[in-house]
Amino acid sequence: MDDIFERVHAQVGCPFLSDLPNYPSTVYRYLLQIGPEELSQYPRRQLEDFSTYVFSVPYDVLREALAKRAPLPLPKKERSEC
């Protein structure tokens, strides 16, 4: 099992891990592709840290949105791409 931060960073293509919070829509679309089942293979603490860092929401909020394939409330200011 790899690190969720590194996996998403590599897939999204941002230059730095610290860029991920600037592109929450891009990250969220990728997480929809992964799906909640595959995400559940990562340690809960790591998912909490990731969700809080990138989206500023608890993992339970992110997990529910992913399960429903619902939009996640995201900040209005966002860069267009990495």
N, C-alpha and C. Protein backbone atom coordinates (compact mmCIF):
# COMPACT_ATOMS: atom_id res chain seq x y z
N MET A 1 0.86 -1.18 0.00
CA MET A 1 0.00 0.00 0.00
C MET A 1 0.91 1.25 0.00
N ASP A 2 0.56 2.20 -0.84
CA ASP A 2 1.33 3.43 -0.89
C ASP A 2 0.66 4.52 -0.06
N ASP A 3 1.23 5.66 -0.09
CA ASP A 3 0.73 6.81 0.66
C ASP A 3 -0.30 7.55 -0.19
N ILE A 4 -1.45 7.89 0.37
CA ILE A 4 -2.51 8.56 -0.38
C ILE A 4 -2.04 9.93 -0.88
N PHE A 5 -1.26 10.63 -0.09
CA PHE A 5 -0.74 11.93 -0.53
C PHE A 5 0.12 11.77 -1.79
N GLU A 6 1.04 10.82 -1.76
CA GLU A 6 1.94 10.59 -2.89
C GLU A 6 1.17 10.09 -4.11
N ARG A 7 0.23 9.22 -3.90
CA ARG A 7 -0.54 8.67 -5.01
C ARG A 7 -1.32 9.77 -5.74
N VAL A 8 -2.03 10.58 -4.97
CA VAL A 8 -2.83 11.64 -5.58
C VAL A 8 -1.92 12.69 -6.20
N HIS A 9 -0.84 13.02 -5.52
CA HIS A 9 0.12 13.99 -6.05
C HIS A 9 0.65 13.53 -7.41
N ALA A 10 1.03 12.27 -7.51
CA ALA A 10 1.56 11.74 -8.76
C ALA A 10 0.50 11.76 -9.87
N GLN A 11 -0.71 11.43 -9.54
CA GLN A 11 -1.78 11.36 -10.53
C GLN A 11 -2.23 12.74 -10.99
N VAL A 12 -2.37 13.66 -10.06
CA VAL A 12 -2.87 15.00 -10.38
C VAL A 12 -1.80 15.80 -11.12
N GLY A 13 -0.54 15.56 -10.80
CA GLY A 13 0.54 16.19 -11.53
C GLY A 13 0.96 17.56 -11.04
N CYS A 14 0.61 17.91 -9.83
CA CYS A 14 1.07 19.18 -9.26
C CYS A 14 2.57 19.08 -8.98
N PRO A 15 3.28 20.20 -9.09
CA PRO A 15 4.71 20.16 -8.84
C PRO A 15 5.07 19.76 -7.40
N PHE A 16 4.25 20.17 -6.44
CA PHE A 16 4.56 19.91 -5.04
C PHE A 16 3.32 19.38 -4.32
N LEU A 17 3.53 18.57 -3.29
CA LEU A 17 2.42 18.11 -2.46
C LEU A 17 1.65 19.28 -1.89
N SER A 18 2.36 20.32 -1.56
CA SER A 18 1.71 21.49 -0.96
C SER A 18 0.77 22.20 -1.92
N ASP A 19 0.80 21.85 -3.21
CA ASP A 19 -0.12 22.44 -4.19
C ASP A 19 -1.50 21.78 -4.16
N LEU A 20 -1.63 20.61 -3.62
CA LEU A 20 -2.90 19.88 -3.68
C LEU A 20 -4.10 20.68 -3.17
N PRO A 21 -3.99 21.43 -2.06
CA PRO A 21 -5.16 22.20 -1.61
C PRO A 21 -5.59 23.29 -2.59
N ASN A 22 -4.72 23.66 -3.52
CA ASN A 22 -5.07 24.66 -4.51
C ASN A 22 -5.93 24.11 -5.65
N TYR A 23 -6.06 22.80 -5.72
CA TYR A 23 -6.78 22.14 -6.81
C TYR A 23 -7.77 21.10 -6.28
N PRO A 24 -8.66 21.49 -5.38
CA PRO A 24 -9.55 20.50 -4.77
C PRO A 24 -10.47 19.82 -5.78
N SER A 25 -10.93 20.51 -6.80
CA SER A 25 -11.82 19.87 -7.80
C SER A 25 -11.09 18.77 -8.55
N THR A 26 -9.86 19.03 -8.93
CA THR A 26 -9.06 18.04 -9.64
C THR A 26 -8.81 16.82 -8.75
N VAL A 27 -8.46 17.08 -7.51
CA VAL A 27 -8.21 16.00 -6.55
C VAL A 27 -9.50 15.20 -6.34
N TYR A 28 -10.61 15.89 -6.17
CA TYR A 28 -11.89 15.21 -5.92
C TYR A 28 -12.29 14.33 -7.12
N ARG A 29 -12.10 14.84 -8.33
CA ARG A 29 -12.42 14.02 -9.51
C ARG A 29 -11.59 12.74 -9.52
N TYR A 30 -10.32 12.85 -9.15
CA TYR A 30 -9.48 11.66 -9.09
C TYR A 30 -9.96 10.70 -8.01
N LEU A 31 -10.35 11.23 -6.86
CA LEU A 31 -10.85 10.37 -5.79
C LEU A 31 -12.13 9.66 -6.20
N LEU A 32 -12.96 10.31 -7.01
CA LEU A 32 -14.16 9.65 -7.53
C LEU A 32 -13.77 8.47 -8.41
N GLN A 33 -12.70 8.61 -9.17
CA GLN A 33 -12.23 7.50 -10.00
C GLN A 33 -11.73 6.34 -9.14
N ILE A 34 -11.02 6.67 -8.08
CA ILE A 34 -10.51 5.63 -7.18
C ILE A 34 -11.67 4.91 -6.51
N GLY A 35 -12.60 5.67 -5.97
CA GLY A 35 -13.76 5.11 -5.28
C GLY A 35 -13.51 4.91 -3.80
N PRO A 36 -14.58 4.96 -3.01
CA PRO A 36 -14.43 4.84 -1.56
C PRO A 36 -13.92 3.47 -1.11
N GLU A 37 -14.20 2.43 -1.87
CA GLU A 37 -13.74 1.09 -1.48
C GLU A 37 -12.22 1.01 -1.50
N GLU A 38 -11.63 1.52 -2.57
CA GLU A 38 -10.18 1.49 -2.67
C GLU A 38 -9.53 2.44 -1.66
N LEU A 39 -10.16 3.59 -1.43
CA LEU A 39 -9.64 4.52 -0.43
C LEU A 39 -9.62 3.91 0.96
N SER A 40 -10.58 3.04 1.24
CA SER A 40 -10.66 2.44 2.57
C SER A 40 -9.47 1.54 2.89
N GLN A 41 -8.64 1.24 1.90
CA GLN A 41 -7.44 0.42 2.14
C GLN A 41 -6.33 1.23 2.81
N TYR A 42 -6.46 2.54 2.81
CA TYR A 42 -5.47 3.40 3.46
C TYR A 42 -5.81 3.54 4.94
N PRO A 43 -4.81 3.78 5.78
CA PRO A 43 -5.09 3.96 7.21
C PRO A 43 -6.03 5.14 7.43
N ARG A 44 -6.94 4.97 8.36
CA ARG A 44 -7.94 6.00 8.65
C ARG A 44 -7.28 7.34 9.00
N ARG A 45 -6.24 7.30 9.78
CA ARG A 45 -5.57 8.54 10.19
C ARG A 45 -5.00 9.29 8.98
N GLN A 46 -4.45 8.54 8.03
CA GLN A 46 -3.90 9.15 6.83
C GLN A 46 -5.01 9.79 5.99
N LEU A 47 -6.15 9.12 5.90
CA LEU A 47 -7.29 9.68 5.17
C LEU A 47 -7.84 10.94 5.85
N GLU A 48 -7.87 10.93 7.17
CA GLU A 48 -8.29 12.12 7.91
C GLU A 48 -7.35 13.29 7.62
N ASP A 49 -6.06 13.01 7.70
CA ASP A 49 -5.06 14.06 7.45
C ASP A 49 -5.19 14.59 6.02
N PHE A 50 -5.36 13.69 5.08
CA PHE A 50 -5.47 14.08 3.67
C PHE A 50 -6.72 14.94 3.45
N SER A 51 -7.84 14.49 3.94
CA SER A 51 -9.10 15.20 3.75
C SER A 51 -9.05 16.59 4.39
N THR A 52 -8.50 16.66 5.57
CA THR A 52 -8.40 17.95 6.25
C THR A 52 -7.42 18.87 5.52
N TYR A 53 -6.32 18.33 5.07
CA TYR A 53 -5.30 19.14 4.40
C TYR A 53 -5.80 19.67 3.04
N VAL A 54 -6.38 18.80 2.24
CA VAL A 54 -6.76 19.20 0.88
C VAL A 54 -8.10 19.92 0.85
N PHE A 55 -9.10 19.42 1.61
CA PHE A 55 -10.46 19.93 1.49
C PHE A 55 -10.94 20.72 2.71
N SER A 56 -10.21 20.67 3.78
CA SER A 56 -10.61 21.32 5.04
C SER A 56 -11.93 20.78 5.57
N VAL A 57 -12.16 19.49 5.36
CA VAL A 57 -13.34 18.81 5.91
C VAL A 57 -12.89 17.48 6.51
N PRO A 58 -13.63 16.98 7.50
CA PRO A 58 -13.32 15.67 8.06
C PRO A 58 -13.50 14.57 6.99
N TYR A 59 -12.78 13.49 7.17
CA TYR A 59 -12.86 12.40 6.19
C TYR A 59 -14.28 11.86 6.05
N ASP A 60 -15.05 11.83 7.13
CA ASP A 60 -16.43 11.32 7.02
C ASP A 60 -17.25 12.12 6.02
N VAL A 61 -17.05 13.42 5.96
CA VAL A 61 -17.77 14.27 5.00
C VAL A 61 -17.33 13.90 3.58
N LEU A 62 -16.03 13.75 3.39
CA LEU A 62 -15.51 13.38 2.08
C LEU A 62 -16.01 11.99 1.67
N ARG A 63 -15.95 11.04 2.59
CA ARG A 63 -16.38 9.66 2.30
C ARG A 63 -17.84 9.62 1.88
N GLU A 64 -18.70 10.35 2.59
CA GLU A 64 -20.13 10.38 2.25
C GLU A 64 -20.35 10.99 0.87
N ALA A 65 -19.65 12.07 0.57
CA ALA A 65 -19.80 12.71 -0.74
C ALA A 65 -19.34 11.76 -1.85
N LEU A 66 -18.25 11.07 -1.62
CA LEU A 66 -17.75 10.12 -2.62
C LEU A 66 -18.73 8.96 -2.82
N ALA A 67 -19.27 8.45 -1.72
CA ALA A 67 -20.21 7.33 -1.81
C ALA A 67 -21.47 7.71 -2.59
N LYS A 68 -21.90 8.95 -2.42
CA LYS A 68 -23.10 9.43 -3.13
C LYS A 68 -22.76 10.02 -4.49
N ARG A 69 -21.44 10.12 -4.76
CA ARG A 69 -20.97 10.78 -5.97
C ARG A 69 -21.53 12.20 -6.06
N ALA A 70 -21.64 12.81 -4.90
CA ALA A 70 -22.19 14.16 -4.78
C ALA A 70 -21.07 15.18 -4.85
N PRO A 71 -21.40 16.39 -5.26
CA PRO A 71 -20.38 17.43 -5.24
C PRO A 71 -19.95 17.75 -3.82
N LEU A 72 -18.71 18.01 -3.66
CA LEU A 72 -18.17 18.41 -2.36
C LEU A 72 -18.10 19.93 -2.36
N PRO A 73 -18.63 20.57 -1.32
CA PRO A 73 -18.53 22.03 -1.28
C PRO A 73 -17.07 22.45 -1.30
N LEU A 74 -16.70 23.20 -2.31
CA LEU A 74 -15.31 23.59 -2.50
C LEU A 74 -15.19 25.10 -2.52
N PRO A 75 -14.02 25.61 -2.19
CA PRO A 75 -13.83 27.06 -2.23
C PRO A 75 -13.99 27.59 -3.65
N LYS A 76 -14.43 28.83 -3.76
CA LYS A 76 -14.66 29.43 -5.07
C LYS A 76 -13.37 29.75 -5.79
N LYS A 77 -12.34 30.09 -5.06
CA LYS A 77 -11.06 30.39 -5.69
C LYS A 77 -10.28 29.09 -5.85
N GLU A 78 -9.97 28.78 -7.07
CA GLU A 78 -9.19 27.59 -7.36
C GLU A 78 -8.44 27.80 -8.64
N ARG A 79 -7.24 27.30 -8.68
CA ARG A 79 -6.47 27.37 -9.91
C ARG A 79 -7.05 26.39 -10.91
N SER A 80 -6.89 26.66 -12.17
CA SER A 80 -7.53 25.83 -13.18
C SER A 80 -6.88 24.47 -13.33
N GLU A 81 -5.57 24.38 -13.24
CA GLU A 81 -4.91 23.09 -13.33
C GLU A 81 -3.52 23.18 -12.75
N CYS A 82 -2.95 22.02 -12.47
CA CYS A 82 -1.59 21.98 -11.88
C CYS A 82 -0.57 22.37 -12.91
